[in-house]
C-alpha atoms as a PDB file:
ATOM      1  CA  GLN A   1      10.811 -24.358  12.973  1.00  0.00           C
ATOM      2  CA  VAL A   2       8.352 -23.125  10.366  1.00  0.00           C
ATOM      3  CA  GLN A   3       6.730 -25.227   7.683  1.00  0.00           C
ATOM      4  CA  LEU A   4       5.176 -23.521   4.667  1.00  0.00           C
ATOM      5  CA  VAL A   5       2.603 -24.888   2.240  1.00  0.00           C
ATOM      6  CA  GLU A   6       1.589 -22.964  -0.884  1.00  0.00           C
ATOM      7  CA  SER A   7      -1.727 -23.393  -2.658  1.00  0.00           C
ATOM      8  CA  GLY A   8      -3.933 -21.596  -5.162  1.00  0.00           C
ATOM      9  CA  GLY A   9      -1.933 -22.109  -8.317  1.00  0.00           C
ATOM     10  CA  GLY A  10      -3.490 -23.212 -11.573  1.00  0.00           C
ATOM     11  CA  LEU A  11      -4.077 -22.438 -15.221  1.00  0.00           C
ATOM     12  CA  VAL A  12      -5.600 -19.097 -16.136  1.00  0.00           C
ATOM     13  CA  GLN A  13      -5.984 -17.026 -19.280  1.00  0.00           C
ATOM     14  CA  ALA A  14      -4.058 -13.807 -19.759  1.00  0.00           C
ATOM     15  CA  GLY A  15      -5.794 -10.974 -17.948  1.00  0.00           C
ATOM     16  CA  GLY A  16      -7.174 -13.296 -15.307  1.00  0.00           C
ATOM     17  CA  SER A  17      -6.528 -13.476 -11.584  1.00  0.00           C
ATOM     18  CA  LEU A  18      -5.316 -15.957  -9.014  1.00  0.00           C
ATOM     19  CA  ARG A  19      -4.771 -15.757  -5.284  1.00  0.00           C
ATOM     20  CA  LEU A  20      -1.934 -17.783  -3.864  1.00  0.00           C
ATOM     21  CA  SER A  21      -1.871 -18.759  -0.206  1.00  0.00           C
ATOM     22  CA  CYS A  22       1.081 -19.638   1.975  1.00  0.00           C
ATOM     23  CA  ALA A  23      -0.045 -21.439   5.112  1.00  0.00           C
ATOM     24  CA  ALA A  24       2.458 -21.732   7.927  1.00  0.00           C
ATOM     25  CA  SER A  25       2.820 -23.898  10.968  1.00  0.00           C
ATOM     26  CA  GLY A  26       4.380 -22.594  14.139  1.00  0.00           C
ATOM     27  CA  ARG A  27       3.168 -20.255  16.821  1.00  0.00           C
ATOM     28  CA  THR A  28       5.790 -17.608  16.041  1.00  0.00           C
ATOM     29  CA  PHE A  29       4.889 -17.121  12.380  1.00  0.00           C
ATOM     30  CA  SER A  30       3.830 -13.559  13.125  1.00  0.00           C
ATOM     31  CA  SER A  31       7.491 -12.813  13.881  1.00  0.00           C
ATOM     32  CA  TYR A  32       8.640 -13.753  10.392  1.00  0.00           C
ATOM     33  CA  ALA A  33       8.762 -11.665   7.256  1.00  0.00           C
ATOM     34  CA  VAL A  34       7.540 -13.518   4.190  1.00  0.00           C
ATOM     35  CA  GLY A  35       8.562 -13.317   0.587  1.00  0.00           C
ATOM     36  CA  TRP A  36       7.268 -14.748  -2.656  1.00  0.00           C
ATOM     37  CA  PHE A  37       9.658 -15.912  -5.357  1.00  0.00           C
ATOM     38  CA  ARG A  38       9.074 -17.577  -8.702  1.00  0.00           C
ATOM     39  CA  GLN A  39      10.997 -19.740 -11.105  1.00  0.00           C
ATOM     40  CA  ALA A  40      10.122 -20.036 -14.758  1.00  0.00           C
ATOM     41  CA  PRO A  41      11.341 -22.978 -16.875  1.00  0.00           C
ATOM     42  CA  GLY A  42      14.996 -22.594 -17.746  1.00  0.00           C
ATOM     43  CA  LYS A  43      15.400 -19.491 -15.579  1.00  0.00           C
ATOM     44  CA  GLU A  44      16.750 -18.738 -12.137  1.00  0.00           C
ATOM     45  CA  ARG A  45      14.423 -18.161  -9.239  1.00  0.00           C
ATOM     46  CA  GLU A  46      13.539 -14.495  -8.846  1.00  0.00           C
ATOM     47  CA  PHE A  47      12.025 -12.262  -6.211  1.00  0.00           C
ATOM     48  CA  VAL A  48       8.381 -11.209  -6.572  1.00  0.00           C
ATOM     49  CA  ALA A  49       7.126  -9.623  -3.355  1.00  0.00           C
ATOM     50  CA  ALA A  50       7.655  -9.456   0.401  1.00  0.00           C
ATOM     51  CA  CYS A  51       5.935  -8.224   3.505  1.00  0.00           C
ATOM     52  CA  SER A  52       7.129  -7.547   7.005  1.00  0.00           C
ATOM     53  CA  ALA A  53       6.215  -9.672   9.997  1.00  0.00           C
ATOM     54  CA  SER A  54       3.321  -7.372  10.863  1.00  0.00           C
ATOM     55  CA  GLY A  55       2.264  -6.897   7.263  1.00  0.00           C
ATOM     56  CA  SER A  56       2.491  -3.129   7.543  1.00  0.00           C
ATOM     57  CA  TRP A  57       5.422  -2.943   5.093  1.00  0.00           C
ATOM     58  CA  THR A  58       5.324  -4.472   1.645  1.00  0.00           C
ATOM     59  CA  TYR A  59       7.666  -4.444  -1.316  1.00  0.00           C
ATOM     60  CA  LEU A  60       7.030  -5.631  -4.862  1.00  0.00           C
ATOM     61  CA  ASP A  61       9.242  -6.141  -7.858  1.00  0.00           C
ATOM     62  CA  GLU A  62       8.703  -3.602 -10.619  1.00  0.00           C
ATOM     63  CA  SER A  63       7.510  -6.328 -12.980  1.00  0.00           C
ATOM     64  CA  VAL A  64       4.436  -7.001 -10.819  1.00  0.00           C
ATOM     65  CA  LYS A  65       3.820  -3.621  -9.206  1.00  0.00           C
ATOM     66  CA  GLY A  66       0.264  -2.467  -9.845  1.00  0.00           C
ATOM     67  CA  ARG A  67      -0.868  -6.022 -10.628  1.00  0.00           C
ATOM     68  CA  PHE A  68       0.107  -8.091  -7.567  1.00  0.00           C
ATOM     69  CA  THR A  69      -0.580  -7.454  -3.896  1.00  0.00           C
ATOM     70  CA  ILE A  70       0.917  -9.202  -0.890  1.00  0.00           C
ATOM     71  CA  PHE A  71      -0.856  -9.287   2.440  1.00  0.00           C
ATOM     72  CA  ARG A  72      -1.118 -11.537   5.454  1.00  0.00           C
ATOM     73  CA  ASP A  73      -3.512 -12.694   8.145  1.00  0.00           C
ATOM     74  CA  ASN A  74      -1.403 -13.573  11.166  1.00  0.00           C
ATOM     75  CA  ALA A  75      -4.425 -14.860  13.059  1.00  0.00           C
ATOM     76  CA  LYS A  76      -4.648 -17.557  10.384  1.00  0.00           C
ATOM     77  CA  ASN A  77      -0.875 -17.950   9.883  1.00  0.00           C
ATOM     78  CA  THR A  78      -1.328 -17.259   6.189  1.00  0.00           C
ATOM     79  CA  VAL A  79       0.233 -14.930   3.649  1.00  0.00           C
ATOM     80  CA  PHE A  80      -1.461 -14.215   0.342  1.00  0.00           C
ATOM     81  CA  LEU A  81      -0.324 -13.120  -3.078  1.00  0.00           C
ATOM     82  CA  GLN A  82      -3.187 -11.637  -5.071  1.00  0.00           C
ATOM     83  CA  MET A  83      -2.291 -11.687  -8.744  1.00  0.00           C
ATOM     84  CA  ASN A  84      -4.376  -9.674 -11.189  1.00  0.00           C
ATOM     85  CA  SER A  85      -3.948  -8.890 -14.893  1.00  0.00           C
ATOM     86  CA  LEU A  86      -1.822 -11.978 -15.302  1.00  0.00           C
ATOM     87  CA  LYS A  87       0.492 -12.251 -18.284  1.00  0.00           C
ATOM     88  CA  PRO A  88       2.029 -15.301 -19.960  1.00  0.00           C
ATOM     89  CA  GLU A  89       5.415 -14.198 -18.611  1.00  0.00           C
ATOM     90  CA  ASP A  90       4.072 -14.694 -15.081  1.00  0.00           C
ATOM     91  CA  THR A  91       4.069 -18.444 -15.723  1.00  0.00           C
ATOM     92  CA  ALA A  92       6.310 -20.064 -13.126  1.00  0.00           C
ATOM     93  CA  VAL A  93       6.453 -22.122  -9.985  1.00  0.00           C
ATOM     94  CA  TYR A  94       5.759 -19.747  -7.094  1.00  0.00           C
ATOM     95  CA  TYR A  95       7.426 -20.254  -3.731  1.00  0.00           C
ATOM     96  CA  CYS A  96       6.845 -18.585  -0.413  1.00  0.00           C
ATOM     97  CA  ALA A  97       9.671 -18.192   2.057  1.00  0.00           C
ATOM     98  CA  ALA A  98       9.921 -17.000   5.648  1.00  0.00           C
ATOM     99  CA  SER A  99      12.680 -14.905   7.138  1.00  0.00           C
ATOM    100  CA  ALA A 100      13.469 -14.784  10.843  1.00  0.00           C
ATOM    101  CA  MET A 101      13.988 -11.035  10.417  1.00  0.00           C
ATOM    102  CA  ARG A 102      10.889  -8.876  10.783  1.00  0.00           C
ATOM    103  CA  ILE A 103      12.055  -7.064   7.638  1.00  0.00           C
ATOM    104  CA  PRO A 104      14.817  -8.825   5.673  1.00  0.00           C
ATOM    105  CA  THR A 105      17.917  -6.726   5.246  1.00  0.00           C
ATOM    106  CA  ARG A 106      18.320  -7.925   1.664  1.00  0.00           C
ATOM    107  CA  VAL A 107      14.704  -8.583   0.894  1.00  0.00           C
ATOM    108  CA  ARG A 108      15.298  -9.705  -2.693  1.00  0.00           C
ATOM    109  CA  LEU A 109      17.940 -12.317  -1.845  1.00  0.00           C
ATOM    110  CA  GLU A 110      17.107 -15.941  -1.162  1.00  0.00           C
ATOM    111  CA  GLU A 111      19.888 -16.105   1.412  1.00  0.00           C
ATOM    112  CA  ASP A 112      17.875 -13.907   3.784  1.00  0.00           C
ATOM    113  CA  TYR A 113      15.071 -16.454   3.990  1.00  0.00           C
ATOM    114  CA  ASP A 114      15.214 -19.418   6.335  1.00  0.00           C
ATOM    115  CA  TYR A 115      12.254 -21.604   5.384  1.00  0.00           C
ATOM    116  CA  TRP A 116      10.738 -22.456   2.007  1.00  0.00           C
ATOM    117  CA  GLY A 117       7.591 -24.075   0.754  1.00  0.00           C
ATOM    118  CA  GLN A 118       7.438 -26.677  -1.993  1.00  0.00           C
ATOM    119  CA  GLY A 119       5.991 -24.321  -4.591  1.00  0.00           C
ATOM    120  CA  THR A 120       2.781 -24.064  -6.590  1.00  0.00           C
ATOM    121  CA  GLN A 121       2.523 -23.912 -10.374  1.00  0.00           C
ATOM    122  CA  VAL A 122       0.979 -20.890 -12.069  1.00  0.00           C
ATOM    123  CA  SER A 123       0.393 -21.116 -15.804  1.00  0.00           C
ATOM    124  CA  VAL A 124      -0.958 -18.215 -17.844  1.00  0.00           C
ATOM    125  CA  SER A 125      -2.116 -18.884 -21.383  1.00  0.00           C
ATOM    126  CA  SER A 126      -2.168 -16.235 -24.095  1.00  0.00           C
END
């Protein structure tokens, strides 16, 4: 069992930065791949970024490539999403999710993730 808790959300102006954290419980967290998803008001939840269990492989959606970075510190059971050059369209609730696969076969699909956090709100003003 893995429990995930996101933090680091908030209100920021366009062009600003935030770092989201996803803290996990469980001794085997380093065996899980982790993904970040987001859901804007009135829209479906969408994939943002993912990293493998070791952190050596990462994958980002085109909409955030060059602005966001995903990385993890397995010694601290935490995965981070560094968000730079934020835009108003990045406004959403951000969720982290853990997959029992070291690299999810269908990394962009929610069905490949087994555990989810409660989400953290990110709001970007223009």
